[in-house]
Amino acid sequence: MTGFFKSISFKMTKPRGGILLYRFNNSQLEVLIAHPGGPFYAKKDLGVWDIPKGTIEAGEELFNGAIREFEEEIGFVPDGDFFELGNIKNNVPTQPNLLPY
C-alpha cells in the first residue's frame, strides 16, 4: 500500500492532518476511509465517512502528526511513498468536520 499525505487546516480550529491510503487492485483504485468516532457521530452512521485524520499537536511536524493520527485511528503505521496533496481550508465554522471536495 502507498500513502498520500494530506494536510488539512480549519479557520477556527487547530491544524489537522491525515493520510489518504490507496492501492490499485486489478487496476481499480481503492481508498481507505473510516467512520468517525466520538459523541458527535454516535447516531450518524449513514453517509459519514472520511480519511483518518486528527489534530496536530503544538510543535509537531504536520507529516509526523498525520502518521500518528492514522496509527491512533486505524491501528497500524502506514508505509509507502508519501506526497503532499495540499491544504484544504474549511470556512464553515458550524461544520468543522465537513470538508469541501
Protein backbone atom coordinates (compact mmCIF):
# COMPACT_ATOMS: atom_id res chain seq x y z
CA MET A 1 0.00 0.00 0.00
CA THR A 2 1.13 3.50 -0.71
CA GLY A 3 0.04 6.55 1.26
CA PHE A 4 -0.86 10.03 0.30
CA PHE A 5 -0.08 12.83 2.68
CA LYS A 6 -2.80 15.39 3.15
CA SER A 7 -2.77 18.44 5.33
CA ILE A 8 -6.00 19.99 6.47
CA SER A 9 -6.41 23.27 8.26
CA PHE A 10 -9.52 24.91 9.61
CA LYS A 11 -10.17 28.59 10.10
CA MET A 12 -11.42 28.33 13.69
CA THR A 13 -9.64 25.24 15.00
CA LYS A 14 -6.16 23.75 15.33
CA PRO A 15 -4.37 22.34 12.27
CA ARG A 16 -5.31 18.78 11.37
CA GLY A 17 -3.52 16.23 9.27
CA GLY A 18 -4.46 12.95 7.71
CA ILE A 19 -3.37 10.16 5.42
CA LEU A 20 -5.31 9.08 2.36
CA LEU A 21 -4.19 5.49 1.89
CA TYR A 22 -4.77 3.94 -1.52
CA ARG A 23 -3.92 0.96 -3.66
CA PHE A 24 -4.74 -0.45 -7.06
CA ASN A 25 -6.48 -3.82 -7.04
CA ASN A 26 -6.86 -5.33 -10.52
CA SER A 27 -6.49 -1.82 -11.99
CA GLN A 28 -9.25 -0.49 -9.71
CA LEU A 29 -8.36 2.37 -7.38
CA GLU A 30 -9.27 1.63 -3.76
CA VAL A 31 -9.03 4.16 -0.91
CA LEU A 32 -9.24 3.65 2.83
CA ILE A 33 -11.90 5.71 4.56
CA ALA A 34 -13.16 5.39 8.12
CA HIS A 35 -16.26 6.18 10.13
CA PRO A 36 -15.51 8.98 12.60
CA GLY A 37 -15.95 8.22 16.28
CA GLY A 38 -16.85 10.28 19.28
CA PRO A 39 -20.12 11.65 20.63
CA PHE A 40 -20.78 13.92 17.63
CA TYR A 41 -21.01 10.91 15.30
CA ALA A 42 -22.62 8.45 17.73
CA LYS A 43 -26.00 8.46 15.92
CA LYS A 44 -24.80 9.40 12.44
CA ASP A 45 -23.89 6.05 10.97
CA LEU A 46 -25.14 6.60 7.43
CA GLY A 47 -23.10 8.60 4.96
CA VAL A 48 -20.40 9.78 7.36
CA TRP A 49 -17.02 8.60 6.10
CA ASP A 50 -13.72 10.43 5.94
CA ILE A 51 -9.98 9.93 5.75
CA PRO A 52 -8.28 9.08 9.05
CA LYS A 53 -7.18 12.43 10.45
CA GLY A 54 -6.81 14.38 13.65
CA THR A 55 -5.37 17.38 15.43
CA ILE A 56 -1.68 18.17 15.07
CA GLU A 57 -0.08 18.83 18.44
CA ALA A 58 1.74 22.11 19.17
CA GLY A 59 5.30 21.90 17.84
CA GLU A 60 4.62 18.68 15.93
CA GLU A 61 5.56 18.42 12.26
CA LEU A 62 2.45 18.10 10.12
CA PHE A 63 3.56 14.88 8.44
CA ASN A 64 4.51 13.21 11.74
CA GLY A 65 1.18 14.25 13.24
CA ALA A 66 -0.70 12.78 10.29
CA ILE A 67 1.15 9.47 10.69
CA ARG A 68 0.48 9.46 14.45
CA GLU A 69 -3.22 10.18 13.95
CA PHE A 70 -3.52 7.46 11.32
CA GLU A 71 -1.95 4.92 13.67
CA GLU A 72 -4.19 6.01 16.57
CA GLU A 73 -7.36 5.72 14.49
CA ILE A 74 -6.61 2.71 12.29
CA GLY A 75 -4.15 0.69 14.36
CA PHE A 76 -1.09 0.42 12.13
CA VAL A 77 1.61 2.71 10.74
CA PRO A 78 1.17 3.34 7.00
CA ASP A 79 4.19 2.94 4.75
CA GLY A 80 4.96 3.69 1.14
CA ASP A 81 5.82 6.70 -0.95
CA PHE A 82 4.15 9.74 0.58
CA PHE A 83 3.47 13.01 -1.15
CA GLU A 84 1.52 16.07 -0.12
CA LEU A 85 -1.89 16.56 -1.67
CA GLY A 86 -2.14 20.13 -0.44
CA ASN A 87 -4.26 22.06 2.01
CA ILE A 88 -7.99 22.31 2.43
CA LYS A 89 -9.48 25.19 4.35
CA ASN A 90 -12.99 24.89 5.73
CA ASN A 91 -14.64 28.25 6.23
CA VAL A 92 -17.90 26.84 7.61
CA PRO A 93 -17.48 27.28 11.39
CA THR A 94 -20.73 25.44 12.17
CA GLN A 95 -19.49 22.35 10.30
CA PRO A 96 -15.82 21.96 11.26
CA ASN A 97 -15.62 18.35 10.08
CA LEU A 98 -17.29 18.81 6.70
CA LEU A 99 -14.60 19.12 4.03
CA PRO A 100 -15.42 20.70 0.68
CA TYR A 101 -14.18 18.32 -2.04
